[in-house]
C-alpha atoms as a PDB file:
ATOM      1  CA  MET A   1       2.241   6.895 -10.742  1.00  0.00           C
ATOM      2  CA  THR A   2       2.352   8.451 -14.185  1.00  0.00           C
ATOM      3  CA  ASP A   3       4.099   7.401 -17.382  1.00  0.00           C
ATOM      4  CA  ASP A   4       6.231  10.536 -16.942  1.00  0.00           C
ATOM      5  CA  SER A   5       7.896   9.161 -13.812  1.00  0.00           C
ATOM      6  CA  ARG A   6       8.745   5.918 -15.556  1.00  0.00           C
ATOM      7  CA  LYS A   7      10.190   7.856 -18.481  1.00  0.00           C
ATOM      8  CA  THR A   8      12.197  10.010 -16.076  1.00  0.00           C
ATOM      9  CA  LEU A   9      13.683   6.887 -14.504  1.00  0.00           C
ATOM     10  CA  PHE A  10      14.974   5.547 -17.812  1.00  0.00           C
ATOM     11  CA  HIS A  11      16.006   8.901 -19.275  1.00  0.00           C
ATOM     12  CA  PRO A  12      19.694   8.580 -18.175  1.00  0.00           C
ATOM     13  CA  PHE A  13      19.956   5.423 -20.299  1.00  0.00           C
ATOM     14  CA  GLU A  14      18.496   7.214 -23.322  1.00  0.00           C
ATOM     15  CA  THR A  15      20.961  10.103 -22.999  1.00  0.00           C
ATOM     16  CA  GLY A  16      23.934   7.813 -22.509  1.00  0.00           C
ATOM     17  CA  ASP A  17      24.665   9.169 -19.026  1.00  0.00           C
ATOM     18  CA  LEU A  18      24.266   5.615 -17.786  1.00  0.00           C
ATOM     19  CA  PRO A  19      25.055   2.390 -19.676  1.00  0.00           C
ATOM     20  CA  ILE A  20      22.114   0.025 -20.174  1.00  0.00           C
ATOM     21  CA  PRO A  21      22.507  -2.991 -17.868  1.00  0.00           C
ATOM     22  CA  PRO A  22      23.813  -5.848 -20.016  1.00  0.00           C
ATOM     23  CA  GLU A  23      23.009  -9.542 -20.118  1.00  0.00           C
ATOM     24  CA  GLY A  24      24.351 -11.389 -17.102  1.00  0.00           C
ATOM     25  CA  THR A  25      23.683  -8.586 -14.619  1.00  0.00           C
ATOM     26  CA  ARG A  26      20.939  -8.539 -11.979  1.00  0.00           C
ATOM     27  CA  VAL A  27      18.698  -5.530 -11.334  1.00  0.00           C
ATOM     28  CA  LEU A  28      16.157  -4.961  -8.552  1.00  0.00           C
ATOM     29  CA  PHE A  29      13.254  -2.585  -9.295  1.00  0.00           C
ATOM     30  CA  SER A  30      11.336  -1.319  -6.240  1.00  0.00           C
ATOM     31  CA  GLY A  31       8.016   0.432  -6.788  1.00  0.00           C
ATOM     32  CA  ALA A  32       7.608  -0.818 -10.352  1.00  0.00           C
ATOM     33  CA  GLU A  33       4.277   0.166 -11.896  1.00  0.00           C
ATOM     34  CA  PRO A  34       2.041  -1.342 -14.622  1.00  0.00           C
ATOM     35  CA  GLY A  35       2.818  -0.287 -18.167  1.00  0.00           C
ATOM     36  CA  LEU A  36       6.532  -0.881 -17.645  1.00  0.00           C
ATOM     37  CA  ARG A  37       8.502  -0.580 -20.905  1.00  0.00           C
ATOM     38  CA  LEU A  38      12.220  -1.241 -20.595  1.00  0.00           C
ATOM     39  CA  PRO A  39      14.820   0.713 -22.589  1.00  0.00           C
ATOM     40  CA  ALA A  40      15.898  -0.778 -25.910  1.00  0.00           C
ATOM     41  CA  GLY A  41      18.742  -3.216 -25.382  1.00  0.00           C
ATOM     42  CA  PHE A  42      17.930  -3.874 -21.705  1.00  0.00           C
ATOM     43  CA  ALA A  43      19.081  -7.475 -21.170  1.00  0.00           C
ATOM     44  CA  ALA A  44      19.662  -7.764 -17.410  1.00  0.00           C
ATOM     45  CA  ASP A  45      17.743 -10.155 -15.185  1.00  0.00           C
ATOM     46  CA  LEU A  46      15.075  -7.946 -13.613  1.00  0.00           C
ATOM     47  CA  ALA A  47      13.353  -8.620 -10.277  1.00  0.00           C
ATOM     48  CA  LEU A  48      10.383  -6.383  -9.459  1.00  0.00           C
ATOM     49  CA  ALA A  49       8.986  -5.511  -6.028  1.00  0.00           C
ATOM     50  CA  GLN A  50       5.474  -4.102  -5.717  1.00  0.00           C
ATOM     51  CA  PRO A  51       3.318  -4.456  -2.564  1.00  0.00           C
ATOM     52  CA  PHE A  52       0.092  -3.004  -4.027  1.00  0.00           C
ATOM     53  CA  ARG A  53      -1.982  -5.942  -5.197  1.00  0.00           C
ATOM     54  CA  PRO A  54      -3.612  -4.440  -8.344  1.00  0.00           C
ATOM     55  CA  SER A  55      -0.235  -3.232  -9.656  1.00  0.00           C
ATOM     56  CA  PHE A  56       1.401  -6.535  -8.691  1.00  0.00           C
ATOM     57  CA  ARG A  57      -1.208  -8.519 -10.631  1.00  0.00           C
ATOM     58  CA  ALA A  58      -0.869  -6.340 -13.725  1.00  0.00           C
ATOM     59  CA  LEU A  59       2.913  -6.717 -13.778  1.00  0.00           C
ATOM     60  CA  GLU A  60       2.691 -10.444 -13.119  1.00  0.00           C
ATOM     61  CA  GLU A  61       0.244 -10.845 -15.997  1.00  0.00           C
ATOM     62  CA  ALA A  62       2.684  -8.902 -18.209  1.00  0.00           C
ATOM     63  CA  GLY A  63       5.249 -11.635 -17.574  1.00  0.00           C
ATOM     64  CA  PHE A  64       7.630  -9.963 -15.134  1.00  0.00           C
ATOM     65  CA  GLU A  65       9.320 -11.726 -12.229  1.00  0.00           C
ATOM     66  CA  ILE A  66       7.768  -9.982  -9.244  1.00  0.00           C
ATOM     67  CA  SER A  67       7.425 -10.207  -5.454  1.00  0.00           C
ATOM     68  CA  PRO A  68       5.447  -8.075  -2.977  1.00  0.00           C
ATOM     69  CA  ARG A  69       8.710  -7.313  -1.161  1.00  0.00           C
ATOM     70  CA  ALA A  70      12.271  -6.807  -2.369  1.00  0.00           C
ATOM     71  CA  GLU A  71      14.213 -10.027  -1.896  1.00  0.00           C
ATOM     72  CA  GLY A  72      17.803 -11.162  -2.235  1.00  0.00           C
ATOM     73  CA  ALA A  73      21.129  -9.351  -2.279  1.00  0.00           C
ATOM     74  CA  GLY A  74      24.196  -8.844  -4.429  1.00  0.00           C
ATOM     75  CA  TYR A  75      22.344  -7.038  -7.216  1.00  0.00           C
ATOM     76  CA  ASP A  76      24.404  -5.108  -9.732  1.00  0.00           C
ATOM     77  CA  ALA A  77      21.876  -2.277  -9.704  1.00  0.00           C
ATOM     78  CA  ALA A  78      18.644  -1.191  -8.068  1.00  0.00           C
ATOM     79  CA  PHE A  79      15.964   1.117  -9.464  1.00  0.00           C
ATOM     80  CA  VAL A  80      13.625   2.967  -7.108  1.00  0.00           C
ATOM     81  CA  LEU A  81      10.510   4.619  -8.529  1.00  0.00           C
ATOM     82  CA  CYS A  82       9.265   7.088  -5.929  1.00  0.00           C
ATOM     83  CA  GLY A  83       5.671   7.941  -5.084  1.00  0.00           C
ATOM     84  CA  ARG A  84       3.846  10.334  -2.776  1.00  0.00           C
ATOM     85  CA  HIS A  85       5.076   9.060   0.566  1.00  0.00           C
ATOM     86  CA  ARG A  86       8.427  10.620   1.490  1.00  0.00           C
ATOM     87  CA  ARG A  87       9.377   8.226   4.265  1.00  0.00           C
ATOM     88  CA  GLN A  88       8.424   5.218   2.178  1.00  0.00           C
ATOM     89  CA  ASN A  89      10.658   6.527  -0.615  1.00  0.00           C
ATOM     90  CA  GLU A  90      13.518   6.934   1.840  1.00  0.00           C
ATOM     91  CA  ALA A  91      12.961   3.419   3.180  1.00  0.00           C
ATOM     92  CA  ARG A  92      13.042   1.947  -0.321  1.00  0.00           C
ATOM     93  CA  ILE A  93      16.292   3.731  -1.137  1.00  0.00           C
ATOM     94  CA  ALA A  94      17.770   2.466   2.134  1.00  0.00           C
ATOM     95  CA  ASP A  95      16.606  -1.054   1.310  1.00  0.00           C
ATOM     96  CA  ALA A  96      18.184  -0.796  -2.157  1.00  0.00           C
ATOM     97  CA  LEU A  97      21.490   0.120  -0.526  1.00  0.00           C
ATOM     98  CA  THR A  98      21.393  -3.112   1.475  1.00  0.00           C
ATOM     99  CA  ARG A  99      20.705  -5.231  -1.603  1.00  0.00           C
ATOM    100  CA  VAL A 100      23.169  -4.006  -4.230  1.00  0.00           C
ATOM    101  CA  ARG A 101      26.795  -5.076  -4.149  1.00  0.00           C
ATOM    102  CA  GLU A 102      29.462  -2.581  -3.131  1.00  0.00           C
ATOM    103  CA  GLY A 103      29.835  -0.114  -5.973  1.00  0.00           C
ATOM    104  CA  GLY A 104      26.530  -1.227  -7.487  1.00  0.00           C
ATOM    105  CA  LEU A 105      24.263   1.419  -9.011  1.00  0.00           C
ATOM    106  CA  VAL A 106      21.213   2.856  -7.244  1.00  0.00           C
ATOM    107  CA  LEU A 107      18.998   4.851  -9.621  1.00  0.00           C
ATOM    108  CA  VAL A 108      16.097   6.865  -8.167  1.00  0.00           C
ATOM    109  CA  ALA A 109      13.369   8.841  -9.940  1.00  0.00           C
ATOM    110  CA  GLY A 110      10.103  10.559  -9.171  1.00  0.00           C
ATOM    111  CA  SER A 111       7.941  13.536  -9.998  1.00  0.00           C
ATOM    112  CA  LYS A 112       8.588  17.063  -8.804  1.00  0.00           C
ATOM    113  CA  VAL A 113       5.051  17.336  -7.449  1.00  0.00           C
ATOM    114  CA  ASN A 114       5.833  14.433  -5.096  1.00  0.00           C
ATOM    115  CA  GLY A 115       8.943  16.102  -3.680  1.00  0.00           C
ATOM    116  CA  ILE A 116      11.705  14.332  -5.562  1.00  0.00           C
ATOM    117  CA  ASP A 117      13.943  17.421  -5.441  1.00  0.00           C
ATOM    118  CA  SER A 118      13.946  17.545  -1.636  1.00  0.00           C
ATOM    119  CA  LEU A 119      14.548  13.791  -1.543  1.00  0.00           C
ATOM    120  CA  ARG A 120      17.525  14.209  -3.855  1.00  0.00           C
ATOM    121  CA  ARG A 121      18.972  16.853  -1.546  1.00  0.00           C
ATOM    122  CA  LYS A 122      18.571  14.608   1.491  1.00  0.00           C
ATOM    123  CA  VAL A 123      20.213  11.650  -0.223  1.00  0.00           C
ATOM    124  CA  ALA A 124      23.015  13.874  -1.527  1.00  0.00           C
ATOM    125  CA  GLY A 125      23.736  14.893   2.055  1.00  0.00           C
ATOM    126  CA  THR A 126      24.183  11.234   2.934  1.00  0.00           C
ATOM    127  CA  VAL A 127      25.694   9.603  -0.161  1.00  0.00           C
ATOM    128  CA  PRO A 128      27.730  11.388  -2.874  1.00  0.00           C
ATOM    129  CA  LEU A 129      25.630  11.494  -6.049  1.00  0.00           C
ATOM    130  CA  ALA A 130      27.186  10.453  -9.355  1.00  0.00           C
ATOM    131  CA  GLY A 131      24.658  12.254 -11.529  1.00  0.00           C
ATOM    132  CA  SER A 132      21.219  13.828 -11.870  1.00  0.00           C
ATOM    133  CA  LEU A 133      18.879  14.702 -14.741  1.00  0.00           C
ATOM    134  CA  ALA A 134      15.552  16.550 -14.867  1.00  0.00           C
ATOM    135  CA  LYS A 135      13.048  15.451 -17.506  1.00  0.00           C
ATOM    136  CA  TYR A 136       9.322  14.790 -17.955  1.00  0.00           C
ATOM    137  CA  HIS A 137       8.338  16.880 -14.893  1.00  0.00           C
ATOM    138  CA  GLY A 138      10.580  14.767 -12.690  1.00  0.00           C
ATOM    139  CA  ILE A 139      14.145  14.138 -11.607  1.00  0.00           C
ATOM    140  CA  ALA A 140      16.367  11.069 -11.812  1.00  0.00           C
ATOM    141  CA  PHE A 141      19.524  10.801  -9.738  1.00  0.00           C
ATOM    142  CA  TRP A 142      21.978   8.006  -9.140  1.00  0.00           C
ATOM    143  CA  PHE A 143      24.950   6.933  -7.061  1.00  0.00           C
ATOM    144  CA  PRO A 144      27.102   3.842  -6.410  1.00  0.00           C
ATOM    145  CA  ARG A 145      26.727   1.982  -3.157  1.00  0.00           C
ATOM    146  CA  PRO A 146      29.424   3.376  -0.867  1.00  0.00           C
ATOM    147  CA  VAL A 147      31.640   1.384   1.457  1.00  0.00           C
ATOM    148  CA  ASP A 148      29.850   2.894   4.461  1.00  0.00           C
ATOM    149  CA  ALA A 149      26.370   2.007   3.180  1.00  0.00           C
ATOM    150  CA  PRO A 150      25.077   1.041   6.681  1.00  0.00           C
ATOM    151  CA  ALA A 151      25.595   4.635   7.853  1.00  0.00           C
ATOM    152  CA  ALA A 152      23.471   5.933   4.960  1.00  0.00           C
ATOM    153  CA  VAL A 153      20.816   3.321   5.652  1.00  0.00           C
ATOM    154  CA  ALA A 154      20.592   4.432   9.286  1.00  0.00           C
ATOM    155  CA  VAL A 155      19.976   8.035   8.197  1.00  0.00           C
ATOM    156  CA  LEU A 156      17.407   7.252   5.511  1.00  0.00           C
ATOM    157  CA  ALA A 157      15.447   4.572   7.372  1.00  0.00           C
ATOM    158  CA  PRO A 158      15.947   4.643  11.153  1.00  0.00           C
ATOM    159  CA  ALA A 159      15.316   1.273  12.767  1.00  0.00           C
ATOM    160  CA  GLY A 160      11.927   0.486  14.258  1.00  0.00           C
ATOM    161  CA  LEU A 161       8.302   0.797  13.203  1.00  0.00           C
ATOM    162  CA  ALA A 162       5.967   3.542  14.337  1.00  0.00           C
ATOM    163  CA  LEU A 163       3.839   2.793  17.401  1.00  0.00           C
ATOM    164  CA  VAL A 164       0.265   4.111  17.263  1.00  0.00           C
ATOM    165  CA  ASP A 165      -1.916   4.330  20.384  1.00  0.00           C
ATOM    166  CA  GLY A 166       0.818   2.497  22.259  1.00  0.00           C
ATOM    167  CA  ARG A 167       0.012  -0.851  20.622  1.00  0.00           C
ATOM    168  CA  PHE A 168      -0.214  -0.768  16.809  1.00  0.00           C
ATOM    169  CA  ARG A 169       2.963  -1.103  14.730  1.00  0.00           C
ATOM    170  CA  THR A 170       2.882   0.653  11.374  1.00  0.00           C
ATOM    171  CA  ALA A 171       5.332   1.734   8.670  1.00  0.00           C
ATOM    172  CA  PRO A 172       5.673   4.546   6.105  1.00  0.00           C
ATOM    173  CA  GLY A 173       3.402   4.337   3.071  1.00  0.00           C
ATOM    174  CA  MET A 174       0.474   2.737   4.878  1.00  0.00           C
ATOM    175  CA  PHE A 175      -2.809   4.557   5.308  1.00  0.00           C
ATOM    176  CA  SER A 176      -2.620   6.814   8.391  1.00  0.00           C
ATOM    177  CA  PRO A 177       0.683   5.384   9.693  1.00  0.00           C
ATOM    178  CA  ASP A 178       1.138   7.975  12.468  1.00  0.00           C
ATOM    179  CA  HIS A 179      -2.281   7.986  14.141  1.00  0.00           C
ATOM    180  CA  VAL A 180      -5.664   6.316  14.183  1.00  0.00           C
ATOM    181  CA  ASP A 181      -7.731   7.734  11.345  1.00  0.00           C
ATOM    182  CA  PRO A 182     -10.587   9.776  12.864  1.00  0.00           C
ATOM    183  CA  GLY A 183     -13.082   8.211  10.498  1.00  0.00           C
ATOM    184  CA  SER A 184     -12.084   4.735  11.641  1.00  0.00           C
ATOM    185  CA  ARG A 185     -12.358   5.812  15.264  1.00  0.00           C
ATOM    186  CA  LEU A 186     -15.863   7.182  14.647  1.00  0.00           C
ATOM    187  CA  LEU A 187     -16.841   3.904  12.997  1.00  0.00           C
ATOM    188  CA  VAL A 188     -15.587   1.871  15.972  1.00  0.00           C
ATOM    189  CA  GLU A 189     -17.550   4.079  18.359  1.00  0.00           C
ATOM    190  CA  SER A 190     -20.687   3.519  16.254  1.00  0.00           C
ATOM    191  CA  LEU A 191     -20.559  -0.272  15.860  1.00  0.00           C
ATOM    192  CA  PRO A 192     -23.544  -2.217  17.213  1.00  0.00           C
ATOM    193  CA  ASP A 193     -23.184  -4.359  20.328  1.00  0.00           C
ATOM    194  CA  ASP A 194     -24.513  -7.582  18.783  1.00  0.00           C
ATOM    195  CA  ILE A 195     -21.781  -8.420  16.246  1.00  0.00           C
ATOM    196  CA  SER A 196     -21.291 -12.181  16.060  1.00  0.00           C
ATOM    197  CA  GLY A 197     -20.347 -15.050  13.795  1.00  0.00           C
ATOM    198  CA  ASP A 198     -18.136 -14.676  10.741  1.00  0.00           C
ATOM    199  CA  VAL A 199     -16.804 -11.157  10.206  1.00  0.00           C
ATOM    200  CA  ALA A 200     -14.659  -9.491   7.528  1.00  0.00           C
ATOM    201  CA  ASP A 201     -12.685  -6.255   7.455  1.00  0.00           C
ATOM    202  CA  PHE A 202     -12.473  -4.927   3.886  1.00  0.00           C
ATOM    203  CA  GLY A 203      -9.469  -2.680   3.309  1.00  0.00           C
ATOM    204  CA  ALA A 204      -8.146  -3.634   6.731  1.00  0.00           C
ATOM    205  CA  GLY A 205      -4.978  -1.528   6.630  1.00  0.00           C
ATOM    206  CA  TRP A 206      -2.747  -2.211   9.633  1.00  0.00           C
ATOM    207  CA  GLY A 207      -5.611  -3.771  11.566  1.00  0.00           C
ATOM    208  CA  TYR A 208      -7.145  -1.083  13.756  1.00  0.00           C
ATOM    209  CA  LEU A 209     -10.806  -1.864  12.989  1.00  0.00           C
ATOM    210  CA  SER A 210     -10.317  -5.610  13.377  1.00  0.00           C
ATOM    211  CA  ALA A 211      -8.430  -5.281  16.647  1.00  0.00           C
ATOM    212  CA  GLU A 212     -11.066  -2.987  18.115  1.00  0.00           C
ATOM    213  CA  LEU A 213     -13.905  -5.185  16.921  1.00  0.00           C
ATOM    214  CA  LEU A 214     -12.350  -8.278  18.518  1.00  0.00           C
ATOM    215  CA  SER A 215     -11.785  -6.436  21.779  1.00  0.00           C
ATOM    216  CA  ARG A 216     -15.456  -5.382  21.892  1.00  0.00           C
ATOM    217  CA  SER A 217     -17.171  -8.649  20.957  1.00  0.00           C
ATOM    218  CA  ASP A 218     -16.609 -12.146  22.320  1.00  0.00           C
ATOM    219  CA  ALA A 219     -19.228 -13.542  19.930  1.00  0.00           C
ATOM    220  CA  VAL A 220     -17.070 -13.251  16.810  1.00  0.00           C
ATOM    221  CA  SER A 221     -16.021 -16.741  15.732  1.00  0.00           C
ATOM    222  CA  ARG A 222     -13.875 -15.703  12.771  1.00  0.00           C
ATOM    223  CA  ILE A 223     -12.505 -12.491  11.316  1.00  0.00           C
ATOM    224  CA  ASP A 224     -10.906 -12.238   7.878  1.00  0.00           C
ATOM    225  CA  LEU A 225      -8.831  -9.211   6.901  1.00  0.00           C
ATOM    226  CA  TYR A 226      -8.658  -8.186   3.229  1.00  0.00           C
ATOM    227  CA  GLU A 227      -6.054  -5.633   2.203  1.00  0.00           C
ATOM    228  CA  ALA A 228      -4.399  -4.636  -1.087  1.00  0.00           C
ATOM    229  CA  ASP A 229      -1.195  -3.304   0.532  1.00  0.00           C
ATOM    230  CA  PHE A 230       1.019  -6.273   1.400  1.00  0.00           C
ATOM    231  CA  GLU A 231       3.022  -4.387   4.010  1.00  0.00           C
ATOM    232  CA  ALA A 232      -0.095  -3.104   5.765  1.00  0.00           C
ATOM    233  CA  LEU A 233      -1.527  -6.618   5.856  1.00  0.00           C
ATOM    234  CA  GLU A 234       1.685  -7.943   7.411  1.00  0.00           C
ATOM    235  CA  ALA A 235       1.461  -5.162  10.003  1.00  0.00           C
ATOM    236  CA  ALA A 236      -2.140  -6.188  10.724  1.00  0.00           C
ATOM    237  CA  ARG A 237      -0.994  -9.767  11.196  1.00  0.00           C
ATOM    238  CA  ARG A 238       1.519  -8.596  13.808  1.00  0.00           C
ATOM    239  CA  ASN A 239      -0.945  -6.247  15.468  1.00  0.00           C
ATOM    240  CA  LEU A 240      -3.579  -8.944  15.927  1.00  0.00           C
ATOM    241  CA  ALA A 241      -1.108 -11.582  17.106  1.00  0.00           C
ATOM    242  CA  GLY A 242      -1.470 -10.480  20.721  1.00  0.00           C
ATOM    243  CA  SER A 243      -5.259 -10.442  20.753  1.00  0.00           C
ATOM    244  CA  ASP A 244      -6.988 -12.294  23.587  1.00  0.00           C
ATOM    245  CA  SER A 245      -9.895 -13.183  21.309  1.00  0.00           C
ATOM    246  CA  ALA A 246     -10.621 -16.842  20.587  1.00  0.00           C
ATOM    247  CA  ALA A 247     -11.784 -15.943  17.072  1.00  0.00           C
ATOM    248  CA  GLN A 248      -9.982 -17.491  14.118  1.00  0.00           C
ATOM    249  CA  THR A 249      -8.204 -14.951  11.929  1.00  0.00           C
ATOM    250  CA  GLY A 250      -7.487 -14.977   8.204  1.00  0.00           C
ATOM    251  CA  PHE A 251      -5.341 -12.563   6.218  1.00  0.00           C
ATOM    252  CA  PHE A 252      -5.898 -12.067   2.495  1.00  0.00           C
ATOM    253  CA  TRP A 253      -3.694  -9.955   0.234  1.00  0.00           C
ATOM    254  CA  SER A 254      -6.444  -9.150  -2.213  1.00  0.00           C
ATOM    255  CA  ASP A 255      -7.771  -6.717  -4.788  1.00  0.00           C
ATOM    256  CA  LEU A 256     -11.389  -6.566  -3.684  1.00  0.00           C
ATOM    257  CA  LEU A 257     -12.444  -4.916  -6.934  1.00  0.00           C
ATOM    258  CA  ALA A 258     -11.078  -7.684  -9.144  1.00  0.00           C
ATOM    259  CA  GLU A 259     -10.518 -10.923  -7.218  1.00  0.00           C
ATOM    260  CA  PRO A 260     -13.238 -13.281  -5.969  1.00  0.00           C
ATOM    261  CA  ILE A 261     -14.032 -13.548  -2.257  1.00  0.00           C
ATOM    262  CA  GLU A 262     -14.488 -17.124  -1.119  1.00  0.00           C
ATOM    263  CA  GLY A 263     -15.777 -16.422   2.399  1.00  0.00           C
ATOM    264  CA  ARG A 264     -19.336 -15.565   3.375  1.00  0.00           C
ATOM    265  CA  TYR A 265     -19.923 -13.282   6.324  1.00  0.00           C
ATOM    266  CA  ASP A 266     -22.480 -12.219   8.897  1.00  0.00           C
ATOM    267  CA  PHE A 267     -20.908  -8.783   9.297  1.00  0.00           C
ATOM    268  CA  ILE A 268     -18.500  -6.660   7.247  1.00  0.00           C
ATOM    269  CA  VAL A 269     -16.802  -3.483   8.384  1.00  0.00           C
ATOM    270  CA  MET A 270     -14.777  -1.098   6.235  1.00  0.00           C
ATOM    271  CA  ASN A 271     -13.253   2.327   5.782  1.00  0.00           C
ATOM    272  CA  PRO A 272     -12.809   2.261   1.993  1.00  0.00           C
ATOM    273  CA  PRO A 273     -10.148   4.350   0.238  1.00  0.00           C
ATOM    274  CA  PHE A 274     -11.442   7.083  -2.033  1.00  0.00           C
ATOM    275  CA  HIS A 275      -8.308   8.281  -3.798  1.00  0.00           C
ATOM    276  CA  ALA A 276      -6.267   6.853  -6.665  1.00  0.00           C
ATOM    277  CA  GLY A 277      -3.018   8.759  -6.343  1.00  0.00           C
ATOM    278  CA  ARG A 278      -4.029  12.382  -5.850  1.00  0.00           C
ATOM    279  CA  ALA A 279      -7.344  12.097  -7.699  1.00  0.00           C
ATOM    280  CA  ALA A 280     -10.640  11.455  -5.923  1.00  0.00           C
ATOM    281  CA  ALA A 281     -12.044   8.067  -6.930  1.00  0.00           C
ATOM    282  CA  PRO A 282     -15.332   7.294  -5.160  1.00  0.00           C
ATOM    283  CA  THR A 283     -15.811   4.343  -7.522  1.00  0.00           C
ATOM    284  CA  ILE A 284     -13.297   2.424  -5.361  1.00  0.00           C
ATOM    285  CA  GLY A 285     -15.602   2.611  -2.351  1.00  0.00           C
ATOM    286  CA  GLN A 286     -18.637   1.881  -4.504  1.00  0.00           C
ATOM    287  CA  GLY A 287     -16.897  -1.209  -5.856  1.00  0.00           C
ATOM    288  CA  MET A 288     -16.037  -2.376  -2.352  1.00  0.00           C
ATOM    289  CA  ILE A 289     -19.676  -1.951  -1.323  1.00  0.00           C
ATOM    290  CA  LEU A 290     -20.689  -4.201  -4.211  1.00  0.00           C
ATOM    291  CA  ALA A 291     -18.062  -6.734  -3.149  1.00  0.00           C
ATOM    292  CA  ALA A 292     -19.509  -6.652   0.361  1.00  0.00           C
ATOM    293  CA  ALA A 293     -23.027  -7.220  -0.981  1.00  0.00           C
ATOM    294  CA  ARG A 294     -21.778 -10.373  -2.720  1.00  0.00           C
ATOM    295  CA  ALA A 295     -19.800 -11.602   0.300  1.00  0.00           C
ATOM    296  CA  LEU A 296     -22.474 -11.140   2.980  1.00  0.00           C
ATOM    297  CA  LYS A 297     -24.798 -13.945   3.980  1.00  0.00           C
ATOM    298  CA  PRO A 298     -28.545 -13.309   3.637  1.00  0.00           C
ATOM    299  CA  ARG A 299     -29.473 -10.536   6.088  1.00  0.00           C
ATOM    300  CA  GLY A 300     -25.787  -9.973   6.804  1.00  0.00           C
ATOM    301  CA  ARG A 301     -24.838  -6.423   7.767  1.00  0.00           C
ATOM    302  CA  LEU A 302     -22.344  -3.878   6.460  1.00  0.00           C
ATOM    303  CA  TYR A 303     -21.024  -0.912   8.452  1.00  0.00           C
ATOM    304  CA  LEU A 304     -18.740   1.615   6.804  1.00  0.00           C
ATOM    305  CA  VAL A 305     -17.364   5.096   7.342  1.00  0.00           C
ATOM    306  CA  ALA A 306     -16.896   7.679   4.599  1.00  0.00           C
ATOM    307  CA  ASN A 307     -16.247  11.349   4.064  1.00  0.00           C
ATOM    308  CA  ARG A 308     -19.543  13.199   4.199  1.00  0.00           C
ATOM    309  CA  GLN A 309     -19.547  14.185   0.527  1.00  0.00           C
ATOM    310  CA  LEU A 310     -18.950  10.705  -0.921  1.00  0.00           C
ATOM    311  CA  PRO A 311     -21.927   9.303  -2.901  1.00  0.00           C
ATOM    312  CA  TYR A 312     -22.424   5.864  -1.372  1.00  0.00           C
ATOM    313  CA  GLU A 313     -26.070   6.011  -0.347  1.00  0.00           C
ATOM    314  CA  GLU A 314     -27.428   5.276  -3.827  1.00  0.00           C
ATOM    315  CA  VAL A 315     -25.447   2.070  -4.275  1.00  0.00           C
ATOM    316  CA  LEU A 316     -26.376   0.942  -0.755  1.00  0.00           C
ATOM    317  CA  ALA A 317     -30.050   1.531  -1.450  1.00  0.00           C
ATOM    318  CA  ARG A 318     -29.831  -0.306  -4.764  1.00  0.00           C
ATOM    319  CA  ASP A 319     -27.934  -3.418  -3.677  1.00  0.00           C
ATOM    320  CA  PHE A 320     -29.140  -3.980  -0.117  1.00  0.00           C
ATOM    321  CA  ARG A 321     -32.523  -4.708   1.424  1.00  0.00           C
ATOM    322  CA  LYS A 322     -32.327  -1.631   3.613  1.00  0.00           C
ATOM    323  CA  SER A 323     -29.720   0.950   4.560  1.00  0.00           C
ATOM    324  CA  GLY A 324     -29.265   4.148   6.494  1.00  0.00           C
ATOM    325  CA  GLU A 325     -26.954   6.452   8.416  1.00  0.00           C
ATOM    326  CA  THR A 326     -25.950   5.954  12.044  1.00  0.00           C
ATOM    327  CA  VAL A 327     -24.036   9.135  12.801  1.00  0.00           C
ATOM    328  CA  ARG A 328     -22.094  11.950  11.201  1.00  0.00           C
ATOM    329  CA  ASP A 329     -19.730  14.638  12.390  1.00  0.00           C
ATOM    330  CA  ALA A 330     -18.116  17.609  10.652  1.00  0.00           C
ATOM    331  CA  SER A 331     -16.077  15.336   8.372  1.00  0.00           C
ATOM    332  CA  TYR A 332     -17.446  11.785   8.322  1.00  0.00           C
ATOM    333  CA  LYS A 333     -20.591   9.698   8.238  1.00  0.00           C
ATOM    334  CA  VAL A 334     -21.182   6.118   9.317  1.00  0.00           C
ATOM    335  CA  LEU A 335     -23.498   4.156   7.042  1.00  0.00           C
ATOM    336  CA  TRP A 336     -25.097   0.737   7.492  1.00  0.00           C
ATOM    337  CA  ALA A 337     -26.875  -1.720   5.243  1.00  0.00           C
ATOM    338  CA  VAL A 338     -28.537  -5.131   5.467  1.00  0.00           C
ATOM    339  CA  ARG A 339     -28.281  -7.621   2.601  1.00  0.00           C
ATOM    340  CA  ARG A 340     -31.368  -9.033   0.976  1.00  0.00           C
END
């Protein structure tokens, strides 16, 4: 999320098209991002919702009241800052409609490159808009909660989570919410047969790798899932609830690049992210490899999958006793390493 999108969101207050929420009112802000600067004179009680752990921590450290999920009802207004994921944006707008009082304001903004104009058109076909402004390469639009809000909610966010492979429940905004990521599938097919003891899944997403690992090995005594997306971690918790494995499970909403890892593991598996927004960021995967090196027991093993072009071999060779490649296809490679 860029500063431009945040400025777009607050632009209607600067122009006077919307009055600044006064003291004594309550405002929900879904998708709030670090660097938040409120308009001059903003005096409402503000509750932020942000499921991405690094952004959550930054906003919490800045002194804002914040939760990983939107909570409560009866708000006088709700702000929704949109990102790249269309269905997640729609779901957040629908959620805002359930949380503001009747007639309460819903203000939505996002960048044109992320499809905010098409989102505006869809919402306008469901709820009459009260206004719209284009500024800072984005669009802000707003509307009062209508009397028939449940009908709009049903259009924007149909009930039910996606079902992947007939058994995994996912939701919009998660990594690969509609299908098993082919890189993750290749990694599962390449895992060794002798995995045992204490295991961790770094960047666990909605739990595919962990579920498959548990189904393939009875020798795992514990598996801990680490994930920065709160909603994905909750999905993983649900997806592993029906496992027949006797292994203990732990779920950690964590920023692996910044927060300490208390556990120590015999085996770590991961499919690390390599984008920050739209930009390639291989340093994320490199940082997760370093975190794995610290969290593994002596001679503990790491298996990971990555796009073929990503430069992970050097850091593996530097921070592990030995490392190598198991397999690669046209798009991905599976790498392994053993801790000193």
